[in-house]
Amino acid sequence: MVAQMEALEPVAAGELTCIAGEREQSPGLRAQLGAAGIQVETIVGLDDHAKFYRLVEEFGKIVERRRPRVVHVQTNWQLAIAAVVRWRTRQSFRLIYTVHGYRHNHRLRSKVAQLIMSTSLRYIPDDVVVCSSDVRRKFGAVGSGLQLLFIGVDDAFRGIQAPLSARGSTKQIVFPGEFRQGKNQDLLIAAVGSYVKRSGDRDVRLVLPGQGPRLERCRALANSLGINELVEFPGRVSLANVASICRASHVAVIPSNSETFGSCIAESLASGCLVLSRPVGVARDVIVHGRTGFLFSSGRDLTSLLLRILPEIESFDEVAERGYASSMRFHWTEISHDYMRMLQRPPRVRARFVRESGMQSFSEIGQGSSTSGSPQTEVGDGSSGAN
């Protein structure tokens, strides 16, 4: 998060302020932002979905004092607060919203959420940012002007990358993620079990960092398949430890049903892993099948890929290297320049209701102005400013 704000601060001409609740996403985050010269304002209770009008009053005071020309929000709750403040204060700041989660691992809830969000996003924000082409397709009903901006990768995942052939003789597979519905660690465990059974190769290790309600079920599955000694469950680990695990792994597998962005994809590419992913999140933006990584749709597809790749892992060095090269687009410095270029363009045309002769109809409006060098406010979870 600090890297993200540090990259944006210079191009924002020193006029960037983060607004956050009292809780921190990671210990010492406020202090780190302060040391980087980034202003942080706190609204107590911003992260809680309660006392809406008190939060409107608090945010309204900040808007009146700072007079921002850009406000960027990260959640639906923050969007509602900012929209009411803009209406009440009659200030014409440019309101930007980034699409993050939308219950995308629950099919019915996901469809309902997309419908509700698409409707509101047509009318309220001036710009809508999406982090992958996959999400842009799902929210096409919002209309024109969806802005594609990737999320950056922490520098801990980068560095001098060892080729796959130099990462140890035991072939290590990694997938960091919460053990919950839709992440599909069980599919990955079953595929590794099938690989071991069909190939007879037990010189493999599957590492699954994370916690969640489906962890014990996955432990039981590994045991039932006779591969419990080949599967490691390190629990919740720090970002630095996740980076260390990824950089020591040969292969990263992303079996999720859906991802809004898929940090696990970007981070694995930046770690020099050979990435096998379902076509979710940012995967289709950066993975060309067989050239920069591999795409799969089912457990059977994944097993076939493992049988093809693992016995000859050293022959896939070039694919992993090209995947690593494709991860260069996840540098925060480049993303911050893309962000400022977006602000220099006119905001999208958004819809609103107007009344004509007693009849309701749609009207398309554009709002805002060029914001180069203008004050900007980021509203985020914890002390993040942006996710």
Protein backbone atom coordinates (compact mmCIF):
# COMPACT_ATOMS: atom_id res chain seq x y z
CA MET A 1 0.00 0.00 0.00
CA VAL A 2 2.79 2.43 0.86
CA ALA A 3 4.43 1.66 -2.49
CA GLN A 4 1.17 2.51 -4.24
CA MET A 5 0.82 5.85 -2.49
CA GLU A 6 4.52 6.69 -2.92
CA ALA A 7 4.22 6.10 -6.66
CA LEU A 8 1.14 8.32 -6.92
CA GLU A 9 2.34 11.16 -4.67
CA PRO A 10 4.91 12.71 -7.06
CA VAL A 11 2.57 12.75 -10.05
CA ALA A 12 -0.23 14.11 -7.83
CA ALA A 13 1.98 17.15 -7.15
CA GLY A 14 2.05 16.56 -3.40
CA GLU A 15 -1.71 17.02 -3.04
CA LEU A 16 -2.74 13.48 -2.13
CA THR A 17 -4.65 12.76 1.08
CA CYS A 18 -5.76 9.34 2.34
CA ILE A 19 -8.95 9.13 4.37
CA ALA A 20 -9.37 6.01 6.46
CA GLY A 21 -11.09 4.44 9.42
CA GLU A 22 -9.30 3.93 12.71
CA ARG A 23 -8.20 0.36 11.95
CA GLU A 24 -5.03 -0.47 10.03
CA GLN A 25 -4.76 -3.14 7.34
CA SER A 26 -1.24 -3.83 8.57
CA PRO A 27 0.57 -2.66 11.73
CA GLY A 28 2.33 0.68 11.39
CA LEU A 29 0.70 1.61 8.08
CA ARG A 30 -0.16 5.15 9.16
CA ALA A 31 3.39 5.73 10.33
CA GLN A 32 4.79 4.44 7.05
CA LEU A 33 2.49 6.71 5.04
CA GLY A 34 3.47 9.66 7.23
CA ALA A 35 7.16 8.90 6.77
CA ALA A 36 6.56 8.94 3.01
CA GLY A 37 5.06 12.42 3.29
CA ILE A 38 1.49 11.28 2.59
CA GLN A 39 -1.28 12.94 4.60
CA VAL A 40 -3.78 10.69 6.37
CA GLU A 41 -7.10 11.85 7.86
CA THR A 42 -9.10 9.53 10.10
CA ILE A 43 -12.87 9.13 10.24
CA VAL A 44 -13.74 6.87 13.18
CA GLY A 45 -16.20 4.18 12.10
CA LEU A 46 -15.64 4.56 8.37
CA ASP A 47 -15.09 0.81 8.03
CA ASP A 48 -18.35 -0.02 9.86
CA HIS A 49 -21.64 -0.04 7.99
CA ALA A 50 -23.39 2.05 10.63
CA LYS A 51 -24.18 5.69 11.49
CA PHE A 52 -24.26 6.71 7.85
CA TYR A 53 -25.22 10.35 8.37
CA ARG A 54 -22.53 10.90 11.00
CA LEU A 55 -19.98 9.65 8.47
CA VAL A 56 -21.48 11.96 5.84
CA GLU A 57 -21.04 14.89 8.26
CA GLU A 58 -17.42 13.95 9.01
CA PHE A 59 -16.46 13.45 5.38
CA GLY A 60 -18.34 16.63 4.44
CA LYS A 61 -16.17 18.64 6.85
CA ILE A 62 -13.03 17.30 5.18
CA VAL A 63 -14.39 18.12 1.73
CA GLU A 64 -15.32 21.66 2.80
CA ARG A 65 -11.84 22.18 4.27
CA ARG A 66 -9.74 20.62 1.52
CA ARG A 67 -11.89 21.36 -1.54
CA PRO A 68 -10.73 18.29 -3.51
CA ARG A 69 -11.27 18.08 -7.23
CA VAL A 70 -10.93 14.29 -7.23
CA VAL A 71 -12.34 11.80 -4.72
CA HIS A 72 -11.57 8.12 -5.30
CA VAL A 73 -13.55 5.55 -3.31
CA GLN A 74 -13.06 1.81 -3.00
CA THR A 75 -16.36 0.41 -1.63
CA ASN A 76 -20.09 0.82 -2.22
CA TRP A 77 -20.41 2.26 1.30
CA GLN A 78 -17.81 4.93 0.57
CA LEU A 79 -19.46 5.66 -2.79
CA ALA A 80 -22.78 6.36 -1.09
CA ILE A 81 -21.13 8.65 1.48
CA ALA A 82 -19.22 10.59 -1.17
CA ALA A 83 -22.27 10.92 -3.42
CA VAL A 84 -24.39 12.37 -0.62
CA VAL A 85 -21.60 14.76 0.38
CA ARG A 86 -21.23 15.96 -3.22
CA TRP A 87 -24.97 16.57 -3.44
CA ARG A 88 -25.17 18.33 -0.07
CA THR A 89 -22.10 20.53 -0.51
CA ARG A 90 -22.77 21.22 -4.19
CA GLN A 91 -19.09 20.69 -4.87
CA SER A 92 -18.19 19.40 -8.32
CA PHE A 93 -15.35 17.07 -7.43
CA ARG A 94 -14.72 14.21 -9.80
CA LEU A 95 -15.94 11.00 -8.16
CA ILE A 96 -14.09 7.80 -9.09
CA TYR A 97 -15.04 4.28 -8.01
CA THR A 98 -12.99 1.08 -8.28
CA VAL A 99 -14.86 -2.21 -8.64
CA HIS A 100 -13.49 -4.74 -6.16
CA GLY A 101 -15.55 -7.64 -4.74
CA TYR A 102 -19.15 -8.35 -5.74
CA ARG A 103 -19.83 -11.79 -4.15
CA HIS A 104 -18.32 -13.28 -7.29
CA ASN A 105 -17.89 -16.79 -5.87
CA HIS A 106 -21.68 -17.19 -5.44
CA ARG A 107 -23.34 -17.49 -8.84
CA LEU A 108 -26.80 -16.11 -8.00
CA ARG A 109 -25.57 -13.46 -5.57
CA SER A 110 -22.95 -12.43 -8.11
CA LYS A 111 -25.55 -11.87 -10.84
CA VAL A 112 -27.79 -9.89 -8.49
CA ALA A 113 -24.85 -7.82 -7.23
CA GLN A 114 -23.68 -7.09 -10.78
CA LEU A 115 -27.17 -5.91 -11.75
CA ILE A 116 -27.53 -3.61 -8.72
CA MET A 117 -23.99 -2.26 -9.02
CA SER A 118 -24.22 -1.72 -12.78
CA THR A 119 -27.39 0.32 -12.32
CA SER A 120 -25.93 2.53 -9.58
CA LEU A 121 -22.61 2.95 -11.40
CA ARG A 122 -24.38 4.32 -14.47
CA TYR A 123 -25.61 7.28 -12.44
CA ILE A 124 -23.32 8.10 -9.52
CA PRO A 125 -19.54 8.09 -10.24
CA ASP A 126 -17.88 10.08 -12.99
CA ASP A 127 -15.37 7.31 -13.65
CA VAL A 128 -15.45 3.58 -12.94
CA VAL A 129 -12.12 1.74 -12.67
CA VAL A 130 -11.84 -2.00 -13.20
CA CYS A 131 -8.71 -4.04 -12.57
CA SER A 132 -9.07 -6.64 -15.31
CA SER A 133 -10.72 -7.17 -18.69
CA ASP A 134 -12.71 -9.98 -17.08
CA VAL A 135 -14.48 -7.52 -14.76
CA ARG A 136 -14.88 -5.00 -17.58
CA ARG A 137 -16.85 -7.60 -19.55
CA LYS A 138 -19.06 -8.39 -16.55
CA PHE A 139 -19.88 -4.71 -15.99
CA GLY A 140 -20.36 -3.75 -19.61
CA ALA A 141 -23.88 -2.56 -18.77
CA VAL A 142 -22.34 0.42 -16.98
CA GLY A 143 -21.73 1.87 -20.41
CA SER A 144 -18.76 3.61 -21.97
CA GLY A 145 -15.81 4.87 -20.04
CA LEU A 146 -14.84 1.91 -17.87
CA GLN A 147 -11.16 2.48 -17.13
CA LEU A 148 -8.81 -0.52 -16.98
CA LEU A 149 -6.07 0.00 -14.39
CA PHE A 150 -4.13 -2.92 -12.95
CA ILE A 151 -3.13 -3.33 -9.31
CA GLY A 152 0.58 -3.24 -8.58
CA VAL A 153 2.73 -5.99 -7.08
CA ASP A 154 4.76 -5.49 -3.93
CA ASP A 155 8.51 -5.35 -4.53
CA ALA A 156 8.95 -8.31 -2.15
CA PHE A 157 7.90 -10.60 -5.01
CA ARG A 158 10.49 -9.22 -7.38
CA GLY A 159 14.26 -9.34 -7.48
CA ILE A 160 16.74 -11.57 -9.26
CA GLN A 161 14.64 -14.51 -10.37
CA ALA A 162 16.14 -18.00 -10.36
CA PRO A 163 15.14 -20.10 -13.39
CA LEU A 164 12.82 -23.03 -12.72
CA SER A 165 15.68 -25.45 -13.26
CA ALA A 166 17.58 -23.86 -10.32
CA ARG A 167 14.74 -23.91 -7.77
CA GLY A 168 15.50 -27.30 -6.24
CA SER A 169 14.85 -30.88 -7.29
CA THR A 170 11.52 -31.22 -5.47
CA LYS A 171 8.93 -29.60 -7.70
CA GLN A 172 7.04 -27.08 -5.59
CA ILE A 173 3.52 -25.90 -6.43
CA VAL A 174 1.94 -22.93 -4.64
CA PHE A 175 -1.46 -21.30 -4.34
CA PRO A 176 -1.88 -18.67 -1.59
CA GLY A 177 -5.48 -17.89 -0.76
CA GLU A 178 -8.26 -18.02 1.80
CA PHE A 179 -9.88 -21.43 2.22
CA ARG A 180 -13.43 -20.53 1.27
CA GLN A 181 -16.03 -21.29 -1.36
CA GLY A 182 -14.87 -20.59 -4.87
CA LYS A 183 -11.12 -20.67 -4.19
CA ASN A 184 -11.08 -24.40 -5.00
CA GLN A 185 -8.02 -25.63 -3.13
CA ASP A 186 -9.77 -29.00 -3.15
CA LEU A 187 -9.66 -29.08 -6.96
CA LEU A 188 -5.91 -28.43 -6.84
CA ILE A 189 -5.30 -31.09 -4.18
CA ALA A 190 -7.31 -33.63 -6.21
CA ALA A 191 -5.32 -32.78 -9.36
CA VAL A 192 -2.01 -33.26 -7.54
CA GLY A 193 -3.31 -36.56 -6.15
CA SER A 194 -4.25 -37.68 -9.64
CA TYR A 195 -0.84 -36.62 -10.95
CA VAL A 196 0.97 -38.64 -8.26
CA LYS A 197 -1.21 -41.70 -8.88
CA ARG A 198 -0.80 -41.64 -12.66
CA SER A 199 2.88 -40.68 -12.83
CA GLY A 200 4.21 -42.43 -9.74
CA ASP A 201 6.20 -39.25 -9.03
CA ARG A 202 6.10 -38.28 -5.35
CA ASP A 203 8.93 -35.76 -5.57
CA VAL A 204 6.45 -32.89 -5.46
CA ARG A 205 5.30 -30.48 -2.77
CA LEU A 206 2.08 -28.50 -2.73
CA VAL A 207 2.14 -25.41 -0.47
CA LEU A 208 -1.19 -23.78 0.39
CA PRO A 209 -0.77 -20.69 2.62
CA GLY A 210 -3.96 -19.31 4.12
CA GLN A 211 -6.79 -19.99 6.54
CA GLY A 212 -10.54 -20.23 6.31
CA PRO A 213 -13.64 -22.37 6.85
CA ARG A 214 -12.64 -25.02 4.27
CA LEU A 215 -9.12 -25.63 5.58
CA GLU A 216 -9.92 -28.79 7.55
CA ARG A 217 -11.89 -30.21 4.65
CA CYS A 218 -8.82 -29.79 2.44
CA ARG A 219 -6.58 -31.43 5.04
CA ALA A 220 -8.95 -34.41 5.11
CA LEU A 221 -8.96 -34.62 1.30
CA ALA A 222 -5.15 -34.71 1.12
CA ASN A 223 -5.13 -37.46 3.75
CA SER A 224 -7.78 -39.52 1.92
CA LEU A 225 -5.77 -39.30 -1.32
CA GLY A 226 -2.63 -40.53 0.43
CA ILE A 227 -0.65 -37.34 -0.25
CA ASN A 228 -0.89 -35.63 3.15
CA GLU A 229 2.92 -35.66 3.49
CA LEU A 230 3.19 -33.89 0.13
CA VAL A 231 0.81 -31.03 1.02
CA GLU A 232 1.87 -28.23 3.37
CA PHE A 233 -0.65 -25.96 5.11
CA PRO A 234 1.41 -23.14 6.69
CA GLY A 235 -1.66 -21.14 7.76
CA ARG A 236 -1.87 -17.38 7.52
CA VAL A 237 1.56 -15.96 6.78
CA SER A 238 2.94 -12.47 6.21
CA LEU A 239 3.22 -10.92 2.76
CA ALA A 240 7.00 -11.28 2.96
CA ASN A 241 6.67 -15.01 3.67
CA VAL A 242 4.17 -15.47 0.83
CA ALA A 243 6.69 -13.77 -1.48
CA SER A 244 9.45 -16.06 -0.22
CA ILE A 245 7.32 -19.16 -0.85
CA CYS A 246 6.39 -18.00 -4.35
CA ARG A 247 9.98 -17.22 -5.28
CA ALA A 248 11.01 -20.72 -4.19
CA SER A 249 8.21 -22.44 -6.13
CA HIS A 250 8.34 -23.82 -9.65
CA VAL A 251 4.64 -23.64 -10.45
CA ALA A 252 1.75 -21.48 -9.22
CA VAL A 253 -1.78 -22.73 -9.80
CA ILE A 254 -4.85 -20.48 -9.54
CA PRO A 255 -7.98 -22.69 -9.51
CA SER A 256 -10.49 -20.00 -8.38
CA ASN A 257 -13.96 -19.80 -9.87
CA SER A 258 -13.55 -16.05 -10.22
CA GLU A 259 -11.21 -13.18 -9.32
CA THR A 260 -11.83 -9.44 -9.50
CA PHE A 261 -8.14 -8.86 -10.20
CA GLY A 262 -6.22 -11.87 -8.94
CA SER A 263 -3.21 -10.63 -6.99
CA CYS A 264 -2.13 -14.26 -6.72
CA ILE A 265 -1.75 -14.32 -10.53
CA ALA A 266 0.23 -11.09 -10.75
CA GLU A 267 2.41 -11.94 -7.75
CA SER A 268 3.19 -15.42 -9.05
CA LEU A 269 4.24 -14.05 -12.43
CA ALA A 270 6.42 -11.43 -10.73
CA SER A 271 8.01 -14.22 -8.68
CA GLY A 272 9.11 -16.02 -11.82
CA CYS A 273 6.77 -18.99 -11.31
CA LEU A 274 5.26 -20.88 -14.20
CA VAL A 275 1.61 -19.88 -13.80
CA LEU A 276 -1.32 -22.20 -14.52
CA SER A 277 -4.61 -20.36 -14.06
CA ARG A 278 -8.25 -20.60 -14.84
CA PRO A 279 -9.28 -17.74 -17.18
CA VAL A 280 -10.28 -15.43 -14.33
CA GLY A 281 -9.37 -11.92 -13.24
CA VAL A 282 -6.25 -10.58 -14.92
CA ALA A 283 -5.23 -13.99 -16.31
CA ARG A 284 -6.51 -13.33 -19.83
CA ASP A 285 -4.81 -9.92 -19.84
CA VAL A 286 -1.33 -11.34 -19.29
CA ILE A 287 -1.31 -15.09 -19.95
CA VAL A 288 -0.98 -16.28 -23.52
CA HIS A 289 -1.52 -20.03 -23.33
CA GLY A 290 1.73 -21.88 -23.87
CA ARG A 291 3.77 -18.69 -24.20
CA THR A 292 3.59 -16.76 -20.90
CA GLY A 293 1.77 -19.41 -18.87
CA PHE A 294 -1.11 -21.84 -19.22
CA LEU A 295 -4.89 -21.60 -18.89
CA PHE A 296 -7.18 -24.43 -17.81
CA SER A 297 -10.90 -24.84 -17.19
CA SER A 298 -11.35 -28.01 -15.16
CA GLY A 299 -9.60 -30.37 -12.78
CA ARG A 300 -9.06 -32.79 -15.66
CA ASP A 301 -7.38 -30.05 -17.70
CA LEU A 302 -5.16 -29.20 -14.75
CA THR A 303 -4.11 -32.82 -14.22
CA SER A 304 -3.18 -33.06 -17.91
CA LEU A 305 -1.05 -29.92 -17.61
CA LEU A 306 0.72 -31.23 -14.50
CA LEU A 307 1.47 -34.54 -16.27
CA ARG A 308 2.90 -32.59 -19.20
CA ILE A 309 4.90 -30.00 -17.25
CA LEU A 310 6.21 -31.42 -13.97
CA PRO A 311 8.32 -34.30 -15.36
CA GLU A 312 10.17 -31.82 -17.61
CA ILE A 313 9.91 -28.65 -15.56
CA GLU A 314 13.34 -27.35 -16.64
CA SER A 315 12.17 -27.22 -20.25
CA PHE A 316 9.61 -24.54 -19.33
CA ASP A 317 12.16 -21.93 -18.22
CA GLU A 318 11.46 -19.72 -21.23
CA VAL A 319 7.70 -19.74 -20.64
CA ALA A 320 8.26 -18.66 -17.02
CA GLU A 321 10.70 -15.95 -18.14
CA ARG A 322 8.19 -14.56 -20.61
CA GLY A 323 5.55 -14.64 -17.87
CA TYR A 324 7.90 -12.71 -15.60
CA ALA A 325 8.43 -10.13 -18.35
CA SER A 326 4.65 -9.72 -18.71
CA SER A 327 4.45 -8.85 -15.00
CA MET A 328 6.31 -5.58 -15.61
CA ARG A 329 2.96 -3.93 -16.23
CA PHE A 330 2.21 -4.42 -12.52
CA HIS A 331 4.76 -1.79 -11.40
CA TRP A 332 3.10 0.92 -9.32
CA THR A 333 5.11 3.68 -11.03
CA GLU A 334 3.68 2.80 -14.44
CA ILE A 335 0.18 2.37 -13.02
CA SER A 336 0.33 5.80 -11.35
CA HIS A 337 1.18 7.43 -14.68
CA ASP A 338 -1.75 5.62 -16.32
CA TYR A 339 -3.94 6.89 -13.49
CA MET A 340 -2.93 10.51 -13.99
CA ARG A 341 -3.46 10.18 -17.75
CA MET A 342 -6.99 9.02 -16.96
CA LEU A 343 -7.56 12.16 -14.89
CA GLN A 344 -6.36 14.37 -17.73
CA ARG A 345 -9.11 12.99 -19.96
CA PRO A 346 -12.70 14.21 -19.65
CA PRO A 347 -14.80 12.03 -17.34
CA ARG A 348 -17.11 9.51 -18.92
CA VAL A 349 -20.62 10.44 -19.92
CA ARG A 350 -22.89 9.12 -17.20
CA ALA A 351 -26.66 8.74 -17.13
CA ARG A 352 -29.14 10.45 -14.89
CA PHE A 353 -32.88 10.82 -14.64
CA VAL A 354 -34.49 14.07 -15.75
CA ARG A 355 -38.13 15.04 -15.82
CA GLU A 356 -39.64 16.53 -18.94
CA SER A 357 -43.32 17.47 -19.08
CA GLY A 358 -44.05 15.21 -16.15
CA MET A 359 -42.43 12.21 -17.88
CA GLN A 360 -39.25 10.49 -16.68
CA SER A 361 -36.51 10.03 -19.26
CA PHE A 362 -32.80 9.38 -19.42
CA SER A 363 -30.23 12.07 -20.00
CA GLU A 364 -26.49 11.62 -20.47
CA ILE A 365 -24.21 14.05 -18.68
CA GLY A 366 -20.49 14.56 -18.26
CA GLN A 367 -19.10 16.15 -15.13
CA GLY A 368 -15.75 17.32 -13.86
CA SER A 369 -12.76 18.94 -15.45
CA SER A 370 -9.09 18.40 -16.10
CA THR A 371 -7.45 17.45 -12.83
CA SER A 372 -3.75 17.59 -13.58
CA GLY A 373 -2.02 18.90 -10.48
CA SER A 374 -5.30 19.25 -8.57
CA PRO A 375 -6.03 18.12 -5.00
CA GLN A 376 -7.05 14.50 -4.70
CA THR A 377 -8.65 12.53 -1.90
CA GLU A 378 -8.44 8.75 -1.61
CA VAL A 379 -10.99 7.04 0.62
CA GLY A 380 -10.00 3.49 1.54
CA ASP A 381 -10.35 0.52 3.84
CA GLY A 382 -8.33 0.57 7.04
CA SER A 383 -5.58 3.10 6.44
CA SER A 384 -5.12 2.15 2.86
CA GLY A 385 -6.48 4.98 0.79
CA ALA A 386 -6.97 2.45 -2.00
CA ASN A 387 -6.99 -1.28 -2.32
